[in-house]
Amino acid sequence: MKNHRQRHYRNNLRIERDNAALYDSLAGLASDHRLGLAYRRIADGERANAAFWEGQLERMGVAVPPPRIGVRVKVLTWFARRFGTEFVIPTVARLEHADHLPTPVDRERHRDHFVESPAPDTRGRHRTRSGNTLRAAVLGANDGLVSNGSLVMGMAGATTGDHAILLAGFAGLVAGACSMALGEWLSVNSSREFYQAQIAARAERLAVAPEDGARSLAHIYREKGMEQDTARALADQIAERPRTVLDTLVREDLGIDPDELGGSAYDAAISSFCLFALGALFPVAPYLFLKAHAAFMGSIASTVAGLVLIGMGTALFTGRSMAFSIARQLGITAAAAGITYAVGHVLGTALAG
């Protein structure tokens, strides 16, 4: 029991130190001075949390481990340095939620500093959109690698020639990438049409009963914690501009950004195609340069390397250790590839007579 508590406290200390180091890095890289100050305040709070866990270990008579910056912090800092702090903010928010620890310092207050950036509203919208790009990239490449890796293993199990495996691998790459692109295009357009219908219905309602707009806004602001008179005064002020009423209600009540409506369907389709194709290329690429057994072993090695990279990327969003994420990625893919290899071998043997 005591050893379990020690491990738990050390893990909590590592998380808090990583958070402090990450926010210090973001503060130094932030393009907005006020945003940098907010990150710095959060980093100070995380250091206070780390000091709490250090005290817990000392009271147990356990040596406090020296500070060490984790791989996750280094990777996120690398992305923030090259693409801006807004690019990694959603990932950091997910990690903050995953690493929620009971300490004397109010972590919800820290996340409020983090989520409610003092920068203009357009920064918040850009932050959410660009930050999810990293997660989509990892997931898209993972789909391509796992599906095409299983296809290549199935063809190899059927004891077909290298040319047949290469042809099937590239056919799977193109077909899967096209399917992903079309599915993403339809998804974004369907979302856009749904949002447009919601906005049109709200606009029609406001045109018939404009007083409903002020009442709805006042109710929203009261739920946010405003005093009744203050909420009503703010709602009445906004209600003087019908276009602003509709825009505010759409954002606050429906949770829709009328300036974006899901983003560009073509951008989503192109990125899905490229990311799926990138992942699907790992298992088939060795067959371009190698032959027979060497190509088969090269495909396995290339697939494993891709899975390791994807496992590392997945760890950025789940908050789990990279070793666990990599092992899980390898285990799931090995199971899928093993099944398709066995099925391919049985079918290849049966069809060969």
Protein backbone atom coordinates (compact mmCIF):
# COMPACT_ATOMS: atom_id res chain seq x y z
CA MET A 1 0.00 0.00 0.00
CA LYS A 2 2.81 2.37 0.94
CA ASN A 3 4.71 1.59 -2.27
CA HIS A 4 1.57 2.23 -4.28
CA ARG A 5 1.16 5.66 -2.65
CA GLN A 6 4.79 6.47 -3.34
CA ARG A 7 4.39 5.64 -7.03
CA HIS A 8 1.18 7.64 -7.15
CA TYR A 9 2.79 10.70 -5.55
CA ARG A 10 5.83 10.48 -7.83
CA ASN A 11 3.56 10.28 -10.87
CA ASN A 12 1.59 13.31 -9.68
CA LEU A 13 4.83 15.21 -9.11
CA ARG A 14 6.03 14.34 -12.62
CA ILE A 15 2.77 15.56 -14.15
CA GLU A 16 2.84 18.87 -12.27
CA ARG A 17 6.48 19.50 -13.16
CA ASP A 18 5.77 18.72 -16.81
CA ASN A 19 2.79 21.08 -16.78
CA ALA A 20 4.87 23.87 -15.24
CA ALA A 21 7.66 23.39 -17.79
CA LEU A 22 5.17 23.30 -20.67
CA TYR A 23 3.38 26.50 -19.62
CA ASP A 24 6.73 28.24 -19.08
CA SER A 25 7.64 27.32 -22.66
CA LEU A 26 4.28 28.51 -23.99
CA ALA A 27 4.67 31.78 -22.09
CA GLY A 28 8.00 32.39 -23.79
CA LEU A 29 6.58 31.55 -27.22
CA ALA A 30 3.21 33.36 -26.95
CA SER A 31 2.77 36.08 -29.57
CA ASP A 32 0.41 38.07 -27.33
CA HIS A 33 1.87 39.66 -24.17
CA ARG A 34 -1.30 39.16 -22.12
CA LEU A 35 -1.57 35.55 -23.21
CA GLY A 36 2.03 35.03 -22.13
CA LEU A 37 1.26 36.45 -18.69
CA ALA A 38 -1.70 34.08 -18.37
CA TYR A 39 0.51 31.09 -19.21
CA ARG A 40 3.06 32.31 -16.69
CA ARG A 41 0.42 32.47 -13.94
CA ILE A 42 -0.67 28.93 -14.74
CA ALA A 43 2.95 27.75 -14.63
CA ASP A 44 3.32 29.31 -11.17
CA GLY A 45 0.24 27.42 -10.01
CA GLU A 46 1.58 24.15 -11.39
CA ARG A 47 4.84 24.71 -9.51
CA ALA A 48 2.82 25.18 -6.34
CA ASN A 49 1.08 21.89 -7.06
CA ALA A 50 4.46 20.22 -7.60
CA ALA A 51 5.67 21.60 -4.27
CA PHE A 52 2.64 20.04 -2.59
CA TRP A 53 3.53 16.56 -3.92
CA GLU A 54 7.17 17.08 -2.98
CA GLY A 55 6.00 17.76 0.57
CA GLN A 56 3.91 14.60 0.56
CA LEU A 57 6.91 12.51 -0.47
CA GLU A 58 9.14 14.16 2.13
CA ARG A 59 6.61 13.42 4.88
CA MET A 60 6.74 9.77 3.86
CA GLY A 61 10.53 9.86 4.12
CA VAL A 62 10.97 9.28 0.39
CA ALA A 63 13.70 11.01 -1.61
CA VAL A 64 12.24 13.57 -4.02
CA PRO A 65 13.35 12.76 -7.60
CA PRO A 66 15.23 15.51 -9.45
CA PRO A 67 13.30 17.51 -12.07
CA ARG A 68 13.34 16.10 -15.59
CA ILE A 69 11.47 17.39 -18.62
CA GLY A 70 9.33 14.67 -20.20
CA VAL A 71 9.20 13.74 -23.88
CA ARG A 72 5.61 14.99 -24.17
CA VAL A 73 6.67 18.47 -23.09
CA LYS A 74 9.54 18.51 -25.57
CA VAL A 75 7.30 17.40 -28.45
CA LEU A 76 4.56 19.94 -27.69
CA THR A 77 7.14 22.70 -27.30
CA TRP A 78 8.61 21.74 -30.68
CA PHE A 79 5.20 22.05 -32.34
CA ALA A 80 4.45 25.31 -30.52
CA ARG A 81 7.78 26.80 -31.62
CA ARG A 82 7.16 25.99 -35.29
CA PHE A 83 3.38 26.41 -35.60
CA GLY A 84 2.53 28.77 -32.74
CA THR A 85 1.11 28.17 -29.27
CA GLU A 86 -2.44 28.16 -30.64
CA PHE A 87 -1.64 24.94 -32.51
CA VAL A 88 -1.08 22.89 -29.33
CA ILE A 89 -3.64 24.50 -27.00
CA PRO A 90 -6.48 21.94 -27.48
CA THR A 91 -3.99 19.12 -26.85
CA VAL A 92 -2.79 20.81 -23.66
CA ALA A 93 -6.41 21.27 -22.58
CA ARG A 94 -7.10 17.56 -23.02
CA LEU A 95 -3.99 16.73 -21.00
CA GLU A 96 -5.10 19.13 -18.27
CA HIS A 97 -8.41 17.25 -18.08
CA ALA A 98 -6.72 13.83 -18.17
CA ASP A 99 -4.21 14.83 -15.48
CA HIS A 100 -6.79 16.34 -13.10
CA LEU A 101 -5.19 15.94 -9.67
CA PRO A 102 -6.49 16.88 -6.20
CA THR A 103 -4.18 19.61 -4.87
CA PRO A 104 -4.64 22.74 -2.75
CA VAL A 105 -4.25 24.90 -5.84
CA ASP A 106 -7.47 25.34 -7.82
CA ARG A 107 -6.82 23.60 -11.14
CA GLU A 108 -10.16 24.75 -12.54
CA ARG A 109 -8.97 28.33 -12.05
CA HIS A 110 -5.83 27.48 -14.00
CA ARG A 111 -7.85 26.09 -16.86
CA ASP A 112 -10.02 29.20 -16.83
CA HIS A 113 -6.88 31.29 -17.41
CA PHE A 114 -5.95 28.90 -20.17
CA VAL A 115 -9.29 28.58 -21.97
CA GLU A 116 -10.46 32.15 -21.59
CA SER A 117 -7.53 33.80 -23.31
CA PRO A 118 -7.29 37.56 -22.84
CA ALA A 119 -6.64 37.84 -26.55
CA PRO A 120 -9.45 38.72 -29.00
CA ASP A 121 -12.21 36.22 -29.80
CA THR A 122 -10.75 35.43 -33.22
CA ARG A 123 -7.69 34.00 -31.48
CA GLY A 124 -9.86 31.53 -29.56
CA ARG A 125 -11.56 30.31 -32.69
CA HIS A 126 -8.27 29.94 -34.53
CA ARG A 127 -6.74 28.17 -31.55
CA THR A 128 -9.42 25.48 -31.46
CA ARG A 129 -9.39 24.91 -35.20
CA SER A 130 -5.62 24.75 -35.66
CA GLY A 131 -5.00 22.71 -32.54
CA ASN A 132 -7.29 19.91 -33.65
CA THR A 133 -5.24 19.60 -36.85
CA LEU A 134 -2.51 17.71 -35.00
CA ARG A 135 -4.97 15.21 -33.58
CA ALA A 136 -6.65 14.71 -36.98
CA ALA A 137 -3.25 14.15 -38.58
CA VAL A 138 -2.35 11.38 -36.15
CA LEU A 139 -5.73 9.65 -36.45
CA GLY A 140 -5.79 9.90 -40.25
CA ALA A 141 -2.32 8.42 -40.61
CA ASN A 142 -3.23 5.68 -38.13
CA ASP A 143 -6.26 4.65 -40.21
CA GLY A 144 -4.15 4.38 -43.34
CA LEU A 145 -1.34 2.46 -41.68
CA VAL A 146 -3.51 -0.09 -39.87
CA SER A 147 -5.86 -0.80 -42.78
CA ASN A 148 -3.19 -1.03 -45.47
CA GLY A 149 -0.80 -2.89 -43.19
CA SER A 150 -3.48 -5.51 -42.64
CA LEU A 151 -4.14 -5.67 -46.38
CA VAL A 152 -0.45 -6.21 -47.18
CA MET A 153 -0.19 -8.91 -44.51
CA GLY A 154 -3.26 -10.64 -45.93
CA MET A 155 -1.79 -10.66 -49.42
CA ALA A 156 1.55 -11.89 -48.07
CA GLY A 157 -0.24 -14.68 -46.21
CA ALA A 158 -1.80 -15.78 -49.48
CA THR A 159 1.78 -16.40 -50.78
CA THR A 160 1.20 -14.17 -53.79
CA GLY A 161 4.09 -12.55 -55.63
CA ASP A 162 5.72 -9.25 -54.77
CA HIS A 163 4.06 -7.51 -57.71
CA ALA A 164 0.61 -8.62 -56.57
CA ILE A 165 1.29 -7.39 -53.03
CA LEU A 166 2.60 -4.08 -54.34
CA LEU A 167 -0.43 -3.66 -56.60
CA ALA A 168 -2.86 -4.52 -53.80
CA GLY A 169 -1.04 -2.19 -51.40
CA PHE A 170 -1.25 0.81 -53.72
CA ALA A 171 -4.83 -0.05 -54.65
CA GLY A 172 -5.71 -0.07 -50.95
CA LEU A 173 -3.86 3.21 -50.46
CA VAL A 174 -5.71 5.00 -53.25
CA ALA A 175 -9.11 3.46 -52.50
CA GLY A 176 -8.85 4.13 -48.78
CA ALA A 177 -7.59 7.68 -49.24
CA CYS A 178 -10.39 8.46 -51.70
CA SER A 179 -12.96 6.96 -49.37
CA MET A 180 -11.65 9.00 -46.42
CA ALA A 181 -11.59 12.19 -48.48
CA LEU A 182 -15.14 11.70 -49.76
CA GLY A 183 -16.40 10.81 -46.29
CA GLU A 184 -14.79 13.91 -44.80
CA TRP A 185 -16.17 16.12 -47.57
CA LEU A 186 -19.69 14.78 -47.02
CA SER A 187 -19.35 15.10 -43.23
CA VAL A 188 -18.27 18.74 -43.34
CA ASN A 189 -20.93 19.67 -45.90
CA SER A 190 -23.64 17.88 -43.93
CA SER A 191 -22.59 19.73 -40.79
CA ARG A 192 -22.61 23.02 -42.68
CA GLU A 193 -26.11 22.40 -44.03
CA PHE A 194 -27.34 21.46 -40.55
CA TYR A 195 -25.84 24.61 -39.03
CA GLN A 196 -27.29 26.78 -41.78
CA ALA A 197 -30.74 25.31 -41.13
CA GLN A 198 -30.37 26.04 -37.41
CA ILE A 199 -29.33 29.63 -38.10
CA ALA A 200 -32.15 30.16 -40.60
CA ALA A 201 -34.73 28.84 -38.12
CA ARG A 202 -33.44 31.15 -35.38
CA ALA A 203 -33.41 34.13 -37.77
CA GLU A 204 -37.02 33.45 -38.80
CA ARG A 205 -38.08 33.27 -35.18
CA LEU A 206 -36.38 36.56 -34.36
CA ALA A 207 -38.01 38.22 -37.37
CA VAL A 208 -41.47 37.23 -36.10
CA ALA A 209 -40.82 37.88 -32.38
CA PRO A 210 -37.73 40.11 -31.91
CA GLU A 211 -38.43 40.46 -28.19
CA ASP A 212 -37.57 36.77 -27.77
CA GLY A 213 -33.96 37.62 -28.62
CA ALA A 214 -33.51 39.93 -25.65
CA ARG A 215 -35.20 37.46 -23.30
CA SER A 216 -33.01 34.58 -24.50
CA LEU A 217 -29.83 36.62 -24.18
CA ALA A 218 -30.75 37.77 -20.67
CA HIS A 219 -31.40 34.15 -19.67
CA ILE A 220 -28.04 33.04 -21.09
CA TYR A 221 -26.14 35.76 -19.23
CA ARG A 222 -27.95 35.00 -15.96
CA GLU A 223 -26.87 31.37 -16.31
CA LYS A 224 -23.31 32.60 -16.75
CA GLY A 225 -23.51 34.25 -13.33
CA MET A 226 -24.57 37.83 -14.08
CA GLU A 227 -26.99 39.70 -11.89
CA GLN A 228 -30.50 39.86 -13.31
CA ASP A 229 -30.47 43.62 -13.91
CA THR A 230 -27.01 43.55 -15.46
CA ALA A 231 -27.94 40.65 -17.73
CA ARG A 232 -31.12 42.39 -18.82
CA ALA A 233 -29.32 45.67 -19.52
CA LEU A 234 -26.66 43.93 -21.60
CA ALA A 235 -29.29 41.95 -23.51
CA ASP A 236 -31.31 45.12 -24.25
CA GLN A 237 -28.17 46.85 -25.51
CA ILE A 238 -27.38 43.98 -27.87
CA ALA A 239 -31.02 43.76 -28.97
CA GLU A 240 -30.75 47.22 -30.52
CA ARG A 241 -28.83 45.59 -33.40
CA PRO A 242 -30.83 42.63 -34.82
CA ARG A 243 -27.84 41.22 -36.71
CA THR A 244 -25.79 41.19 -33.50
CA VAL A 245 -28.63 39.46 -31.64
CA LEU A 246 -28.71 36.63 -34.17
CA ASP A 247 -24.94 36.29 -34.20
CA THR A 248 -24.74 36.24 -30.39
CA LEU A 249 -27.58 33.74 -29.97
CA VAL A 250 -26.09 31.43 -32.56
CA ARG A 251 -22.75 31.47 -30.76
CA GLU A 252 -24.02 31.35 -27.18
CA ASP A 253 -27.18 29.28 -27.42
CA LEU A 254 -26.43 26.93 -30.34
CA GLY A 255 -22.66 26.79 -29.94
CA ILE A 256 -22.13 27.57 -33.64
CA ASP A 257 -19.59 29.95 -35.15
CA PRO A 258 -21.41 31.45 -38.16
CA ASP A 259 -18.08 32.56 -39.68
CA GLU A 260 -16.82 28.99 -40.01
CA LEU A 261 -19.67 26.42 -39.96
CA GLY A 262 -17.33 23.46 -39.79
CA GLY A 263 -14.53 24.83 -41.96
CA SER A 264 -13.73 24.13 -45.60
CA ALA A 265 -14.99 20.80 -46.93
CA TYR A 266 -12.31 20.77 -49.63
CA ASP A 267 -9.49 21.44 -47.17
CA ALA A 268 -10.80 18.63 -44.96
CA ALA A 269 -11.04 16.24 -47.92
CA ILE A 270 -7.54 17.02 -49.18
CA SER A 271 -5.95 16.70 -45.75
CA SER A 272 -7.77 13.40 -45.10
CA PHE A 273 -6.58 12.02 -48.44
CA CYS A 274 -2.95 13.00 -47.82
CA LEU A 275 -2.81 11.81 -44.20
CA PHE A 276 -4.42 8.44 -44.96
CA ALA A 277 -2.07 7.96 -47.91
CA LEU A 278 0.94 8.84 -45.77
CA GLY A 279 0.07 6.20 -43.19
CA ALA A 280 -0.82 3.62 -45.84
CA LEU A 281 2.56 4.11 -47.52
CA PHE A 282 4.56 2.67 -44.59
CA PRO A 283 3.70 -1.03 -45.07
CA VAL A 284 3.87 -0.99 -48.88
CA ALA A 285 6.99 1.15 -49.46
CA PRO A 286 9.55 -1.65 -48.81
CA TYR A 287 8.12 -3.63 -51.75
CA LEU A 288 9.33 -0.84 -54.02
CA PHE A 289 12.97 -1.53 -53.15
CA LEU A 290 13.18 -5.08 -51.78
CA LYS A 291 12.14 -8.54 -52.92
CA ALA A 292 10.60 -11.68 -51.42
CA HIS A 293 11.35 -12.30 -47.72
CA ALA A 294 13.41 -9.10 -47.38
CA ALA A 295 10.45 -7.05 -48.61
CA PHE A 296 8.12 -8.82 -46.17
CA MET A 297 10.44 -8.17 -43.20
CA GLY A 298 11.00 -4.60 -44.37
CA SER A 299 7.24 -4.07 -44.48
CA ILE A 300 6.92 -5.29 -40.91
CA ALA A 301 9.78 -3.06 -39.75
CA SER A 302 8.39 -0.03 -41.56
CA THR A 303 4.93 -0.65 -40.12
CA VAL A 304 6.31 -0.96 -36.61
CA ALA A 305 8.24 2.30 -37.02
CA GLY A 306 5.07 4.06 -38.18
CA LEU A 307 3.07 2.62 -35.28
CA VAL A 308 5.69 3.86 -32.81
CA LEU A 309 5.40 7.38 -34.22
CA ILE A 310 1.60 7.23 -34.11
CA GLY A 311 1.66 5.85 -30.56
CA MET A 312 3.83 8.78 -29.52
CA GLY A 313 1.39 11.16 -31.17
CA THR A 314 -1.60 9.47 -29.53
CA ALA A 315 0.02 9.89 -26.11
CA LEU A 316 -0.10 13.65 -26.63
CA PHE A 317 -3.91 13.60 -26.60
CA THR A 318 -4.75 10.86 -24.12
CA GLY A 319 -2.37 11.79 -21.32
CA ARG A 320 -1.25 8.16 -21.06
CA SER A 321 2.43 7.25 -21.03
CA MET A 322 4.10 6.90 -24.41
CA ALA A 323 5.19 3.35 -23.59
CA PHE A 324 1.58 2.36 -22.96
CA SER A 325 0.29 4.11 -26.10
CA ILE A 326 2.97 2.53 -28.29
CA ALA A 327 2.39 -0.93 -26.82
CA ARG A 328 -1.38 -0.63 -27.31
CA GLN A 329 -0.92 0.55 -30.89
CA LEU A 330 1.40 -2.35 -31.67
CA GLY A 331 -0.87 -4.88 -29.98
CA ILE A 332 -4.03 -3.84 -31.79
CA THR A 333 -2.34 -3.66 -35.18
CA ALA A 334 -0.55 -6.98 -34.65
CA ALA A 335 -3.91 -8.61 -33.92
CA ALA A 336 -5.51 -7.14 -37.05
CA ALA A 337 -2.52 -8.02 -39.25
CA GLY A 338 -2.29 -11.51 -37.77
CA ILE A 339 -5.93 -12.24 -38.53
CA THR A 340 -5.70 -11.01 -42.12
CA TYR A 341 -2.44 -12.92 -42.64
CA ALA A 342 -4.05 -16.14 -41.41
CA VAL A 343 -7.17 -15.59 -43.52
CA GLY A 344 -5.02 -14.80 -46.56
CA HIS A 345 -2.93 -17.92 -46.00
CA VAL A 346 -6.01 -20.15 -45.73
CA LEU A 347 -7.68 -18.66 -48.79
CA GLY A 348 -4.44 -18.70 -50.79
CA THR A 349 -3.91 -22.37 -50.00
CA ALA A 350 -7.51 -23.27 -50.76
CA LEU A 351 -7.60 -21.40 -54.07
CA ALA A 352 -4.26 -22.87 -55.13
CA GLY A 353 -5.80 -26.29 -54.84
